[in-house]
Amino acid sequence: MDMPLSKSAETARNELVLRLKRVEGQLRGIQRMIESGEDCEPIAQQMAASRKALDKAFFELLACAIEHPEFTSRPREPKERRIQRMARALARLA
């Protein structure tokens, strides 16, 4: 990225990293549950919670890319075009 991150973009990036670290911790907990032979239902509940947290991180990432041009690989792209590109990504990836 060529442009330095604004304060709000830097905050958004840090929050996203923290969110992903929490998901990572959840996944490690799920692995321990499976290895220790716990029942499937609580494991499935934890998997669903992890999936939901990862989905939220995905949407936050796309919102950041729309809101903060310096958060993308095309920082000088016109805002309308960036929004259209992110909307297509959301439709394709969500």
PDB file of N, CA and C in Angstrom:
ATOM      1  N   MET A   1       0.834  -1.170   0.000  1.00  0.00           N
ATOM      2  CA  MET A   1       0.000   0.000   0.000  1.00  0.00           C
ATOM      3  C   MET A   1       0.880   1.235   0.000  1.00  0.00           C
ATOM      4  N   ASP A   2       0.569   2.151  -0.861  1.00  0.00           N
ATOM      5  CA  ASP A   2       1.380   3.348  -0.999  1.00  0.00           C
ATOM      6  C   ASP A   2       1.061   4.412   0.037  1.00  0.00           C
ATOM      7  N   MET A   3      -0.203   4.592   0.337  1.00  0.00           N
ATOM      8  CA  MET A   3      -0.625   5.648   1.247  1.00  0.00           C
ATOM      9  C   MET A   3      -0.533   5.168   2.693  1.00  0.00           C
ATOM     10  N   PRO A   4      -0.093   6.054   3.610  1.00  0.00           N
ATOM     11  CA  PRO A   4      -0.128   5.649   5.017  1.00  0.00           C
ATOM     12  C   PRO A   4      -1.571   5.544   5.492  1.00  0.00           C
ATOM     13  N   LEU A   5      -1.800   4.703   6.472  1.00  0.00           N
ATOM     14  CA  LEU A   5      -3.155   4.511   6.983  1.00  0.00           C
ATOM     15  C   LEU A   5      -3.554   5.689   7.859  1.00  0.00           C
ATOM     16  N   SER A   6      -4.804   6.121   7.705  1.00  0.00           N
ATOM     17  CA  SER A   6      -5.341   7.148   8.590  1.00  0.00           C
ATOM     18  C   SER A   6      -5.536   6.534   9.970  1.00  0.00           C
ATOM     19  N   LYS A   7      -5.738   7.384  10.959  1.00  0.00           N
ATOM     20  CA  LYS A   7      -5.943   6.912  12.334  1.00  0.00           C
ATOM     21  C   LYS A   7      -7.127   5.950  12.405  1.00  0.00           C
ATOM     22  N   SER A   8      -8.232   6.290  11.732  1.00  0.00           N
ATOM     23  CA  SER A   8      -9.413   5.416  11.791  1.00  0.00           C
ATOM     24  C   SER A   8      -9.175   4.107  11.036  1.00  0.00           C
ATOM     25  N   ALA A   9      -8.418   4.157   9.937  1.00  0.00           N
ATOM     26  CA  ALA A   9      -8.099   2.928   9.207  1.00  0.00           C
ATOM     27  C   ALA A   9      -7.167   2.048  10.035  1.00  0.00           C
ATOM     28  N   GLU A  10      -6.222   2.665  10.723  1.00  0.00           N
ATOM     29  CA  GLU A  10      -5.309   1.906  11.584  1.00  0.00           C
ATOM     30  C   GLU A  10      -6.086   1.252  12.729  1.00  0.00           C
ATOM     31  N   THR A  11      -7.033   1.977  13.301  1.00  0.00           N
ATOM     32  CA  THR A  11      -7.881   1.418  14.357  1.00  0.00           C
ATOM     33  C   THR A  11      -8.695   0.250  13.816  1.00  0.00           C
ATOM     34  N   ALA A  12      -9.272   0.410  12.634  1.00  0.00           N
ATOM     35  CA  ALA A  12     -10.059  -0.658  12.019  1.00  0.00           C
ATOM     36  C   ALA A  12      -9.195  -1.891  11.774  1.00  0.00           C
ATOM     37  N   ARG A  13      -7.987  -1.680  11.295  1.00  0.00           N
ATOM     38  CA  ARG A  13      -7.076  -2.809  11.045  1.00  0.00           C
ATOM     39  C   ARG A  13      -6.746  -3.521  12.354  1.00  0.00           C
ATOM     40  N   ASN A  14      -6.437  -2.766  13.394  1.00  0.00           N
ATOM     41  CA  ASN A  14      -6.117  -3.377  14.686  1.00  0.00           C
ATOM     42  C   ASN A  14      -7.295  -4.156  15.246  1.00  0.00           C
ATOM     43  N   GLU A  15      -8.503  -3.604  15.119  1.00  0.00           N
ATOM     44  CA  GLU A  15      -9.695  -4.313  15.595  1.00  0.00           C
ATOM     45  C   GLU A  15      -9.934  -5.597  14.815  1.00  0.00           C
ATOM     46  N   LEU A  16      -9.664  -5.556  13.518  1.00  0.00           N
ATOM     47  CA  LEU A  16      -9.822  -6.757  12.693  1.00  0.00           C
ATOM     48  C   LEU A  16      -8.828  -7.836  13.118  1.00  0.00           C
ATOM     49  N   VAL A  17      -7.597  -7.455  13.359  1.00  0.00           N
ATOM     50  CA  VAL A  17      -6.583  -8.418  13.809  1.00  0.00           C
ATOM     51  C   VAL A  17      -6.993  -9.029  15.147  1.00  0.00           C
ATOM     52  N   LEU A  18      -7.480  -8.202  16.072  1.00  0.00           N
ATOM     53  CA  LEU A  18      -7.929  -8.726  17.366  1.00  0.00           C
ATOM     54  C   LEU A  18      -9.098  -9.689  17.203  1.00  0.00           C
ATOM     55  N   ARG A  19     -10.030  -9.357  16.313  1.00  0.00           N
ATOM     56  CA  ARG A  19     -11.171 -10.236  16.046  1.00  0.00           C
ATOM     57  C   ARG A  19     -10.677 -11.594  15.528  1.00  0.00           C
ATOM     58  N   LEU A  20      -9.720 -11.561  14.603  1.00  0.00           N
ATOM     59  CA  LEU A  20      -9.193 -12.807  14.046  1.00  0.00           C
ATOM     60  C   LEU A  20      -8.426 -13.615  15.092  1.00  0.00           C
ATOM     61  N   LYS A  21      -7.755 -12.949  16.002  1.00  0.00           N
ATOM     62  CA  LYS A  21      -7.066 -13.664  17.078  1.00  0.00           C
ATOM     63  C   LYS A  21      -8.063 -14.367  17.993  1.00  0.00           C
ATOM     64  N   ARG A  22      -9.211 -13.719  18.228  1.00  0.00           N
ATOM     65  CA  ARG A  22     -10.250 -14.370  19.036  1.00  0.00           C
ATOM     66  C   ARG A  22     -10.793 -15.611  18.322  1.00  0.00           C
ATOM     67  N   VAL A  23     -11.007 -15.499  17.012  1.00  0.00           N
ATOM     68  CA  VAL A  23     -11.475 -16.656  16.235  1.00  0.00           C
ATOM     69  C   VAL A  23     -10.423 -17.763  16.293  1.00  0.00           C
ATOM     70  N   GLU A  24      -9.167 -17.385  16.173  1.00  0.00           N
ATOM     71  CA  GLU A  24      -8.088 -18.374  16.260  1.00  0.00           C
ATOM     72  C   GLU A  24      -8.141 -19.109  17.599  1.00  0.00           C
ATOM     73  N   GLY A  25      -8.371 -18.369  18.680  1.00  0.00           N
ATOM     74  CA  GLY A  25      -8.490 -18.991  19.995  1.00  0.00           C
ATOM     75  C   GLY A  25      -9.685 -19.928  20.070  1.00  0.00           C
ATOM     76  N   GLN A  26     -10.799 -19.508  19.468  1.00  0.00           N
ATOM     77  CA  GLN A  26     -11.981 -20.374  19.433  1.00  0.00           C
ATOM     78  C   GLN A  26     -11.670 -21.669  18.697  1.00  0.00           C
ATOM     79  N   LEU A  27     -10.980 -21.570  17.582  1.00  0.00           N
ATOM     80  CA  LEU A  27     -10.660 -22.764  16.792  1.00  0.00           C
ATOM     81  C   LEU A  27      -9.730 -23.703  17.546  1.00  0.00           C
ATOM     82  N   ARG A  28      -8.788 -23.136  18.257  1.00  0.00           N
ATOM     83  CA  ARG A  28      -7.903 -23.990  19.074  1.00  0.00           C
ATOM     84  C   ARG A  28      -8.698 -24.696  20.175  1.00  0.00           C
ATOM     85  N   GLY A  29      -9.658 -23.972  20.754  1.00  0.00           N
ATOM     86  CA  GLY A  29     -10.519 -24.585  21.759  1.00  0.00           C
ATOM     87  C   GLY A  29     -11.332 -25.723  21.176  1.00  0.00           C
ATOM     88  N   ILE A  30     -11.825 -25.540  19.969  1.00  0.00           N
ATOM     89  CA  ILE A  30     -12.583 -26.601  19.291  1.00  0.00           C
ATOM     90  C   ILE A  30     -11.692 -27.818  19.047  1.00  0.00           C
ATOM     91  N   GLN A  31     -10.469 -27.584  18.629  1.00  0.00           N
ATOM     92  CA  GLN A  31      -9.543 -28.699  18.420  1.00  0.00           C
ATOM     93  C   GLN A  31      -9.331 -29.476  19.721  1.00  0.00           C
ATOM     94  N   ARG A  32      -9.161 -28.748  20.820  1.00  0.00           N
ATOM     95  CA  ARG A  32      -8.983 -29.421  22.120  1.00  0.00           C
ATOM     96  C   ARG A  32     -10.235 -30.221  22.501  1.00  0.00           C
ATOM     97  N   MET A  33     -11.406 -29.656  22.218  1.00  0.00           N
ATOM     98  CA  MET A  33     -12.651 -30.367  22.522  1.00  0.00           C
ATOM     99  C   MET A  33     -12.723 -31.675  21.742  1.00  0.00           C
ATOM    100  N   ILE A  34     -12.361 -31.629  20.482  1.00  0.00           N
ATOM    101  CA  ILE A  34     -12.399 -32.830  19.643  1.00  0.00           C
ATOM    102  C   ILE A  34     -11.377 -33.844  20.137  1.00  0.00           C
ATOM    103  N   GLU A  35     -10.170 -33.374  20.422  1.00  0.00           N
ATOM    104  CA  GLU A  35      -9.111 -34.277  20.890  1.00  0.00           C
ATOM    105  C   GLU A  35      -9.453 -34.933  22.224  1.00  0.00           C
ATOM    106  N   SER A  36     -10.201 -34.219  23.067  1.00  0.00           N
ATOM    107  CA  SER A  36     -10.551 -34.787  24.374  1.00  0.00           C
ATOM    108  C   SER A  36     -11.824 -35.629  24.321  1.00  0.00           C
ATOM    109  N   GLY A  37     -12.444 -35.722  23.140  1.00  0.00           N
ATOM    110  CA  GLY A  37     -13.595 -36.600  22.966  1.00  0.00           C
ATOM    111  C   GLY A  37     -14.914 -36.037  23.470  1.00  0.00           C
ATOM    112  N   GLU A  38     -15.047 -34.719  23.511  1.00  0.00           N
ATOM    113  CA  GLU A  38     -16.316 -34.123  23.963  1.00  0.00           C
ATOM    114  C   GLU A  38     -17.442 -34.450  22.985  1.00  0.00           C
ATOM    115  N   ASP A  39     -18.670 -34.285  23.485  1.00  0.00           N
ATOM    116  CA  ASP A  39     -19.854 -34.543  22.665  1.00  0.00           C
ATOM    117  C   ASP A  39     -19.893 -33.615  21.453  1.00  0.00           C
ATOM    118  N   CYS A  40     -20.543 -34.082  20.432  1.00  0.00           N
ATOM    119  CA  CYS A  40     -20.614 -33.332  19.174  1.00  0.00           C
ATOM    120  C   CYS A  40     -21.413 -32.036  19.283  1.00  0.00           C
ATOM    121  N   GLU A  41     -22.478 -32.020  20.077  1.00  0.00           N
ATOM    122  CA  GLU A  41     -23.338 -30.830  20.123  1.00  0.00           C
ATOM    123  C   GLU A  41     -22.596 -29.577  20.602  1.00  0.00           C
ATOM    124  N   PRO A  42     -21.875 -29.632  21.730  1.00  0.00           N
ATOM    125  CA  PRO A  42     -21.151 -28.417  22.131  1.00  0.00           C
ATOM    126  C   PRO A  42     -20.036 -28.037  21.146  1.00  0.00           C
ATOM    127  N   ILE A  43     -19.452 -29.024  20.505  1.00  0.00           N
ATOM    128  CA  ILE A  43     -18.436 -28.739  19.489  1.00  0.00           C
ATOM    129  C   ILE A  43     -19.082 -28.019  18.315  1.00  0.00           C
ATOM    130  N   ALA A  44     -20.233 -28.508  17.892  1.00  0.00           N
ATOM    131  CA  ALA A  44     -20.949 -27.870  16.783  1.00  0.00           C
ATOM    132  C   ALA A  44     -21.352 -26.444  17.148  1.00  0.00           C
ATOM    133  N   GLN A  45     -21.761 -26.228  18.398  1.00  0.00           N
ATOM    134  CA  GLN A  45     -22.114 -24.870  18.836  1.00  0.00           C
ATOM    135  C   GLN A  45     -20.908 -23.932  18.738  1.00  0.00           C
ATOM    136  N   GLN A  46     -19.764 -24.417  19.156  1.00  0.00           N
ATOM    137  CA  GLN A  46     -18.549 -23.602  19.085  1.00  0.00           C
ATOM    138  C   GLN A  46     -18.131 -23.353  17.633  1.00  0.00           C
ATOM    139  N   MET A  47     -18.311 -24.349  16.779  1.00  0.00           N
ATOM    140  CA  MET A  47     -18.003 -24.164  15.354  1.00  0.00           C
ATOM    141  C   MET A  47     -18.905 -23.094  14.748  1.00  0.00           C
ATOM    142  N   ALA A  48     -20.197 -23.142  15.102  1.00  0.00           N
ATOM    143  CA  ALA A  48     -21.137 -22.149  14.584  1.00  0.00           C
ATOM    144  C   ALA A  48     -20.756 -20.754  15.066  1.00  0.00           C
ATOM    145  N   ALA A  49     -20.372 -20.636  16.328  1.00  0.00           N
ATOM    146  CA  ALA A  49     -19.962 -19.337  16.867  1.00  0.00           C
ATOM    147  C   ALA A  49     -18.698 -18.832  16.164  1.00  0.00           C
ATOM    148  N   SER A  50     -17.766 -19.726  15.903  1.00  0.00           N
ATOM    149  CA  SER A  50     -16.532 -19.341  15.201  1.00  0.00           C
ATOM    150  C   SER A  50     -16.829 -18.904  13.780  1.00  0.00           C
ATOM    151  N   ARG A  51     -17.709 -19.628  13.126  1.00  0.00           N
ATOM    152  CA  ARG A  51     -18.084 -19.274  11.750  1.00  0.00           C
ATOM    153  C   ARG A  51     -18.738 -17.897  11.713  1.00  0.00           C
ATOM    154  N   LYS A  52     -19.607 -17.647  12.665  1.00  0.00           N
ATOM    155  CA  LYS A  52     -20.282 -16.343  12.736  1.00  0.00           C
ATOM    156  C   LYS A  52     -19.266 -15.226  12.979  1.00  0.00           C
ATOM    157  N   ALA A  53     -18.313 -15.456  13.862  1.00  0.00           N
ATOM    158  CA  ALA A  53     -17.284 -14.452  14.152  1.00  0.00           C
ATOM    159  C   ALA A  53     -16.411 -14.199  12.926  1.00  0.00           C
ATOM    160  N   LEU A  54     -16.095 -15.241  12.193  1.00  0.00           N
ATOM    161  CA  LEU A  54     -15.294 -15.079  10.979  1.00  0.00           C
ATOM    162  C   LEU A  54     -16.082 -14.349   9.900  1.00  0.00           C
ATOM    163  N   ASP A  55     -17.368 -14.648   9.789  1.00  0.00           N
ATOM    164  CA  ASP A  55     -18.225 -13.916   8.841  1.00  0.00           C
ATOM    165  C   ASP A  55     -18.255 -12.431   9.186  1.00  0.00           C
ATOM    166  N   LYS A  56     -18.367 -12.121  10.462  1.00  0.00           N
ATOM    167  CA  LYS A  56     -18.397 -10.720  10.877  1.00  0.00           C
ATOM    168  C   LYS A  56     -17.079 -10.033  10.520  1.00  0.00           C
ATOM    169  N   ALA A  57     -15.965 -10.720  10.711  1.00  0.00           N
ATOM    170  CA  ALA A  57     -14.662 -10.160  10.339  1.00  0.00           C
ATOM    171  C   ALA A  57     -14.593  -9.910   8.837  1.00  0.00           C
ATOM    172  N   PHE A  58     -15.142 -10.818   8.052  1.00  0.00           N
ATOM    173  CA  PHE A  58     -15.172 -10.661   6.594  1.00  0.00           C
ATOM    174  C   PHE A  58     -15.927  -9.399   6.199  1.00  0.00           C
ATOM    175  N   PHE A  59     -17.107  -9.204   6.785  1.00  0.00           N
ATOM    176  CA  PHE A  59     -17.908  -8.028   6.452  1.00  0.00           C
ATOM    177  C   PHE A  59     -17.246  -6.744   6.939  1.00  0.00           C
ATOM    178  N   GLU A  60     -16.600  -6.801   8.087  1.00  0.00           N
ATOM    179  CA  GLU A  60     -15.864  -5.633   8.582  1.00  0.00           C
ATOM    180  C   GLU A  60     -14.711  -5.281   7.637  1.00  0.00           C
ATOM    181  N   LEU A  61     -14.043  -6.291   7.127  1.00  0.00           N
ATOM    182  CA  LEU A  61     -12.949  -6.057   6.190  1.00  0.00           C
ATOM    183  C   LEU A  61     -13.441  -5.361   4.932  1.00  0.00           C
ATOM    184  N   LEU A  62     -14.543  -5.834   4.367  1.00  0.00           N
ATOM    185  CA  LEU A  62     -15.085  -5.191   3.178  1.00  0.00           C
ATOM    186  C   LEU A  62     -15.563  -3.772   3.477  1.00  0.00           C
ATOM    187  N   ALA A  63     -16.161  -3.566   4.643  1.00  0.00           N
ATOM    188  CA  ALA A  63     -16.591  -2.219   5.021  1.00  0.00           C
ATOM    189  C   ALA A  63     -15.388  -1.288   5.113  1.00  0.00           C
ATOM    190  N   CYS A  64     -14.289  -1.776   5.658  1.00  0.00           N
ATOM    191  CA  CYS A  64     -13.067  -0.970   5.743  1.00  0.00           C
ATOM    192  C   CYS A  64     -12.551  -0.617   4.355  1.00  0.00           C
ATOM    193  N   ALA A  65     -12.594  -1.572   3.468  1.00  0.00           N
ATOM    194  CA  ALA A  65     -12.109  -1.325   2.110  1.00  0.00           C
ATOM    195  C   ALA A  65     -12.947  -0.273   1.396  1.00  0.00           C
ATOM    196  N   ILE A  66     -14.231  -0.240   1.706  1.00  0.00           N
ATOM    197  CA  ILE A  66     -15.104   0.769   1.105  1.00  0.00           C
ATOM    198  C   ILE A  66     -14.858   2.133   1.750  1.00  0.00           C
ATOM    199  N   GLU A  67     -14.778   2.141   3.062  1.00  0.00           N
ATOM    200  CA  GLU A  67     -14.668   3.393   3.797  1.00  0.00           C
ATOM    201  C   GLU A  67     -13.283   4.030   3.711  1.00  0.00           C
ATOM    202  N   HIS A  68     -12.251   3.220   3.684  1.00  0.00           N
ATOM    203  CA  HIS A  68     -10.874   3.723   3.737  1.00  0.00           C
ATOM    204  C   HIS A  68     -10.109   3.327   2.472  1.00  0.00           C
ATOM    205  N   PRO A  69      -9.939   4.230   1.533  1.00  0.00           N
ATOM    206  CA  PRO A  69      -9.248   3.879   0.296  1.00  0.00           C
ATOM    207  C   PRO A  69      -7.818   3.403   0.536  1.00  0.00           C
ATOM    208  N   GLU A  70      -7.190   3.860   1.597  1.00  0.00           N
ATOM    209  CA  GLU A  70      -5.818   3.434   1.879  1.00  0.00           C
ATOM    210  C   GLU A  70      -5.738   1.997   2.376  1.00  0.00           C
ATOM    211  N   PHE A  71      -6.887   1.390   2.630  1.00  0.00           N
ATOM    212  CA  PHE A  71      -6.957   0.009   3.109  1.00  0.00           C
ATOM    213  C   PHE A  71      -6.965  -0.991   1.951  1.00  0.00           C
ATOM    214  N   THR A  72      -7.006  -0.488   0.723  1.00  0.00           N
ATOM    215  CA  THR A  72      -7.063  -1.352  -0.452  1.00  0.00           C
ATOM    216  C   THR A  72      -5.781  -1.226  -1.259  1.00  0.00           C
ATOM    217  N   SER A  73      -5.634  -2.087  -2.236  1.00  0.00           N
ATOM    218  CA  SER A  73      -4.461  -2.037  -3.106  1.00  0.00           C
ATOM    219  C   SER A  73      -4.597  -0.967  -4.183  1.00  0.00           C
ATOM    220  N   ARG A  74      -5.760  -0.326  -4.248  1.00  0.00           N
ATOM    221  CA  ARG A  74      -6.014   0.719  -5.247  1.00  0.00           C
ATOM    222  C   ARG A  74      -6.456   2.011  -4.551  1.00  0.00           C
ATOM    223  N   PRO A  75      -5.573   2.645  -3.788  1.00  0.00           N
ATOM    224  CA  PRO A  75      -5.991   3.783  -2.969  1.00  0.00           C
ATOM    225  C   PRO A  75      -6.477   4.999  -3.749  1.00  0.00           C
ATOM    226  N   ARG A  76      -6.114   5.144  -5.004  1.00  0.00           N
ATOM    227  CA  ARG A  76      -6.527   6.311  -5.773  1.00  0.00           C
ATOM    228  C   ARG A  76      -7.727   6.036  -6.683  1.00  0.00           C
ATOM    229  N   GLU A  77      -8.291   4.861  -6.537  1.00  0.00           N
ATOM    230  CA  GLU A  77      -9.475   4.489  -7.316  1.00  0.00           C
ATOM    231  C   GLU A  77     -10.652   5.383  -6.912  1.00  0.00           C
ATOM    232  N   PRO A  78     -11.436   5.863  -7.869  1.00  0.00           N
ATOM    233  CA  PRO A  78     -12.601   6.687  -7.521  1.00  0.00           C
ATOM    234  C   PRO A  78     -13.533   5.934  -6.560  1.00  0.00           C
ATOM    235  N   LYS A  79     -14.117   6.683  -5.623  1.00  0.00           N
ATOM    236  CA  LYS A  79     -14.943   6.084  -4.574  1.00  0.00           C
ATOM    237  C   LYS A  79     -16.070   5.231  -5.144  1.00  0.00           C
ATOM    238  N   GLU A  80     -16.772   5.731  -6.131  1.00  0.00           N
ATOM    239  CA  GLU A  80     -17.898   4.997  -6.706  1.00  0.00           C
ATOM    240  C   GLU A  80     -17.433   3.663  -7.300  1.00  0.00           C
ATOM    241  N   ARG A  81     -16.317   3.683  -7.977  1.00  0.00           N
ATOM    242  CA  ARG A  81     -15.798   2.448  -8.573  1.00  0.00           C
ATOM    243  C   ARG A  81     -15.369   1.458  -7.494  1.00  0.00           C
ATOM    244  N   ARG A  82     -14.754   1.974  -6.405  1.00  0.00           N
ATOM    245  CA  ARG A  82     -14.327   1.106  -5.299  1.00  0.00           C
ATOM    246  C   ARG A  82     -15.553   0.460  -4.650  1.00  0.00           C
ATOM    247  N   ILE A  83     -16.613   1.237  -4.459  1.00  0.00           N
ATOM    248  CA  ILE A  83     -17.835   0.701  -3.859  1.00  0.00           C
ATOM    249  C   ILE A  83     -18.432  -0.384  -4.753  1.00  0.00           C
ATOM    250  N   GLN A  84     -18.457  -0.146  -6.057  1.00  0.00           N
ATOM    251  CA  GLN A  84     -18.982  -1.150  -6.991  1.00  0.00           C
ATOM    252  C   GLN A  84     -18.137  -2.419  -6.956  1.00  0.00           C
ATOM    253  N   ARG A  85     -16.818  -2.255  -6.911  1.00  0.00           N
ATOM    254  CA  ARG A  85     -15.928  -3.412  -6.872  1.00  0.00           C
ATOM    255  C   ARG A  85     -16.122  -4.210  -5.587  1.00  0.00           C
ATOM    256  N   MET A  86     -16.269  -3.513  -4.462  1.00  0.00           N
ATOM    257  CA  MET A  86     -16.479  -4.204  -3.197  1.00  0.00           C
ATOM    258  C   MET A  86     -17.852  -4.876  -3.160  1.00  0.00           C
ATOM    259  N   ALA A  87     -18.861  -4.248  -3.748  1.00  0.00           N
ATOM    260  CA  ALA A  87     -20.185  -4.860  -3.809  1.00  0.00           C
ATOM    261  C   ALA A  87     -20.147  -6.148  -4.621  1.00  0.00           C
ATOM    262  N   ARG A  88     -19.399  -6.133  -5.721  1.00  0.00           N
ATOM    263  CA  ARG A  88     -19.257  -7.360  -6.535  1.00  0.00           C
ATOM    264  C   ARG A  88     -18.529  -8.438  -5.741  1.00  0.00           C
ATOM    265  N   ALA A  89     -17.509  -8.037  -5.012  1.00  0.00           N
ATOM    266  CA  ALA A  89     -16.765  -9.002  -4.174  1.00  0.00           C
ATOM    267  C   ALA A  89     -17.683  -9.595  -3.120  1.00  0.00           C
ATOM    268  N   LEU A  90     -18.493  -8.756  -2.514  1.00  0.00           N
ATOM    269  CA  LEU A  90     -19.430  -9.233  -1.495  1.00  0.00           C
ATOM    270  C   LEU A  90     -20.418 -10.225  -2.094  1.00  0.00           C
ATOM    271  N   ALA A  91     -20.956  -9.904  -3.261  1.00  0.00           N
ATOM    272  CA  ALA A  91     -21.905 -10.804  -3.921  1.00  0.00           C
ATOM    273  C   ALA A  91     -21.240 -12.138  -4.301  1.00  0.00           C
ATOM    274  N   ARG A  92     -20.005 -12.068  -4.718  1.00  0.00           N
ATOM    275  CA  ARG A  92     -19.282 -13.256  -5.150  1.00  0.00           C
ATOM    276  C   ARG A  92     -18.784 -14.112  -3.978  1.00  0.00           C
ATOM    277  N   LEU A  93     -18.352 -13.476  -2.905  1.00  0.00           N
ATOM    278  CA  LEU A  93     -17.670 -14.195  -1.832  1.00  0.00           C
ATOM    279  C   LEU A  93     -18.539 -14.502  -0.620  1.00  0.00           C
ATOM    280  N   ALA A  94     -19.627 -13.785  -0.449  1.00  0.00           N
ATOM    281  CA  ALA A  94     -20.456 -13.980   0.756  1.00  0.00           C
ATOM    282  C   ALA A  94     -21.381 -15.178   0.597  1.00  0.00           C
TER     283      ALA A  94
END
